[in-house]
């Protein structure tokens, strides 16, 4: 299992995460920031627990993020 942590308030909406892992990321039409699909919010930080199969795509999503607000942790 992999935990994805995302600091949405710092997102600049570059779309890099969506290009790398479109089944896990979407750009909001309301504010232009990205959303972590399936993420649960706590104090402005979103987290999602996903299967190991999603690790590589989300690793690319984190690498594509110019503000480095996506973290991955194997659990």
Protein backbone atom coordinates (compact mmCIF):
# COMPACT_ATOMS: atom_id res chain seq x y z
CA UNK A 1 0.00 0.00 0.00
CA UNK A 2 1.05 3.57 -0.69
CA UNK A 3 0.07 6.73 1.17
CA UNK A 4 -0.16 9.85 -0.99
CA UNK A 5 0.02 13.16 0.87
CA UNK A 6 -0.93 16.39 -0.92
CA UNK A 7 -0.83 20.02 0.30
CA UNK A 8 -3.65 21.34 -1.88
CA UNK A 9 -3.54 24.97 -0.69
CA UNK A 10 -0.04 25.30 -2.18
CA UNK A 11 -1.10 23.85 -5.56
CA UNK A 12 -0.55 26.11 -8.57
CA UNK A 13 -2.63 23.95 -10.95
CA UNK A 14 0.15 23.09 -13.39
CA UNK A 15 -1.60 19.82 -14.38
CA UNK A 16 1.60 17.73 -14.14
CA UNK A 17 0.05 15.27 -11.69
CA UNK A 18 -3.03 14.82 -13.89
CA UNK A 19 -0.86 14.02 -16.91
CA UNK A 20 1.09 11.37 -14.96
CA UNK A 21 -1.82 9.73 -13.08
CA UNK A 22 -5.18 10.82 -14.52
CA UNK A 23 -7.15 8.20 -12.58
CA UNK A 24 -5.97 9.70 -9.26
CA UNK A 25 -5.79 13.46 -10.05
CA UNK A 26 -8.20 16.04 -11.51
CA UNK A 27 -8.07 19.81 -11.96
CA UNK A 28 -10.89 21.64 -10.20
CA UNK A 29 -13.08 23.83 -12.38
CA UNK A 30 -13.84 25.96 -9.31
CA UNK A 31 -10.37 27.19 -8.42
CA UNK A 32 -7.94 25.63 -10.93
CA UNK A 33 -6.08 23.61 -8.29
CA UNK A 34 -5.71 19.86 -8.50
CA UNK A 35 -7.73 17.39 -6.46
CA UNK A 36 -6.50 14.07 -5.12
CA UNK A 37 -9.30 11.66 -6.04
CA UNK A 38 -10.24 9.60 -3.02
CA UNK A 39 -8.25 11.84 -0.69
CA UNK A 40 -9.40 12.65 2.82
CA UNK A 41 -8.72 16.16 4.11
CA UNK A 42 -7.34 16.99 7.55
CA UNK A 43 -6.12 20.51 8.35
CA UNK A 44 -5.65 21.36 4.67
CA UNK A 45 -3.63 18.24 3.87
CA UNK A 46 -5.17 15.50 1.75
CA UNK A 47 -4.20 11.84 2.06
CA UNK A 48 -5.17 8.74 0.13
CA UNK A 49 -4.16 5.13 0.62
CA UNK A 50 -3.80 3.35 -2.74
CA UNK A 51 -2.64 -0.02 -4.04
CA UNK A 52 0.98 -0.65 -4.97
CA UNK A 53 0.03 -0.71 -8.68
CA UNK A 54 -0.44 3.07 -8.55
CA UNK A 55 3.01 3.76 -7.11
CA UNK A 56 4.91 4.38 -10.35
CA UNK A 57 2.32 6.72 -11.86
CA UNK A 58 2.03 8.75 -8.67
CA UNK A 59 5.81 8.83 -8.32
CA UNK A 60 5.83 10.54 -11.73
CA UNK A 61 3.05 12.86 -10.56
CA UNK A 62 5.16 13.88 -7.55
CA UNK A 63 8.21 14.40 -9.76
CA UNK A 64 6.17 16.54 -12.19
CA UNK A 65 4.98 18.85 -9.40
CA UNK A 66 7.02 22.08 -9.61
CA UNK A 67 6.14 23.12 -6.04
CA UNK A 68 6.91 19.64 -4.59
CA UNK A 69 3.70 19.26 -2.56
CA UNK A 70 3.03 15.58 -3.34
CA UNK A 71 4.65 12.95 -1.13
CA UNK A 72 4.56 9.16 -1.40
CA UNK A 73 5.18 6.70 1.39
CA UNK A 74 4.97 2.92 1.26
CA UNK A 75 3.09 1.52 4.23
